[in-house]
Amino acid sequence: MLAEADVVRGRTVTSFFAIKTDLINAGANWVDKEVVRDGNIITSRVPSDLPAFMRTIIEALAEKKG
């Protein structure tokens, strides 16, 4: 979805390995980490990364509130 929306060009992201090439071809800097935050884009790889993903989402929301 992010690649199709053309919002990953020049951004650092992570993802499930099966779409790594798609993101790279869309101009993203792909890294293999459980969660990556690049500005307001937060990405993760697999369901087991959900705790780290949710912590990062909560941190981002708290920053916007404060």
Protein backbone atom coordinates (compact mmCIF):
# COMPACT_ATOMS: atom_id res chain seq x y z
CA MET A 1 0.00 0.00 0.00
CA LEU A 2 2.76 2.47 0.90
CA ALA A 3 4.68 1.71 -2.29
CA GLU A 4 1.56 2.10 -4.42
CA ALA A 5 0.81 5.45 -2.73
CA ASP A 6 4.37 6.55 -3.62
CA VAL A 7 5.19 7.60 -0.06
CA VAL A 8 8.27 5.42 0.57
CA ARG A 9 10.65 7.04 -1.91
CA GLY A 10 13.69 8.12 0.11
CA ARG A 11 12.26 6.75 3.37
CA THR A 12 13.63 3.94 5.53
CA VAL A 13 11.17 1.08 6.06
CA THR A 14 10.96 -2.58 6.91
CA SER A 15 8.45 -5.20 5.83
CA PHE A 16 7.65 -8.85 5.38
CA PHE A 17 10.47 -10.27 3.24
CA ALA A 18 8.13 -11.03 0.33
CA ILE A 19 7.65 -7.33 -0.48
CA LYS A 20 11.21 -6.18 0.18
CA THR A 21 11.98 -5.88 -3.55
CA ASP A 22 8.75 -3.98 -4.23
CA LEU A 23 9.65 -1.41 -1.59
CA ILE A 24 13.21 -1.06 -2.88
CA ASN A 25 11.89 -0.63 -6.42
CA ALA A 26 9.54 2.06 -5.09
CA GLY A 27 12.59 3.97 -3.82
CA ALA A 28 12.63 2.94 -0.17
CA ASN A 29 15.68 2.17 1.92
CA TRP A 30 14.71 -1.29 3.22
CA VAL A 31 16.22 -2.59 6.48
CA ASP A 32 15.67 -5.84 8.38
CA LYS A 33 14.50 -4.61 11.81
CA GLU A 34 11.47 -5.44 13.94
CA VAL A 35 10.16 -1.88 13.67
CA VAL A 36 11.29 1.20 11.77
CA ARG A 37 10.05 4.74 12.28
CA ASP A 38 10.87 7.30 9.64
CA GLY A 39 8.96 10.44 10.47
CA ASN A 40 5.28 9.60 10.49
CA ILE A 41 5.73 6.25 8.72
CA ILE A 42 6.03 3.28 11.07
CA THR A 43 6.59 -0.19 9.62
CA SER A 44 7.29 -3.69 10.94
CA ARG A 45 7.86 -7.15 9.49
CA VAL A 46 5.87 -9.99 11.01
CA PRO A 47 3.20 -10.66 13.66
CA SER A 48 5.82 -11.44 16.30
CA ASP A 49 7.07 -7.84 15.91
CA LEU A 50 3.68 -6.51 17.04
CA PRO A 51 4.75 -5.56 20.61
CA ALA A 52 7.57 -3.35 19.32
CA PHE A 53 5.31 -1.94 16.59
CA MET A 54 2.60 -1.04 19.11
CA ARG A 55 5.12 0.58 21.49
CA THR A 56 6.34 2.75 18.63
CA ILE A 57 2.78 3.67 17.60
CA ILE A 58 1.97 4.68 21.20
CA GLU A 59 5.16 6.74 21.45
CA ALA A 60 4.32 8.55 18.20
CA LEU A 61 0.77 9.28 19.36
CA ALA A 62 2.01 10.54 22.73
CA GLU A 63 4.40 12.94 20.99
CA LYS A 64 1.58 14.36 18.88
CA LYS A 65 -0.59 14.85 21.96
CA GLY A 66 2.10 16.55 24.04
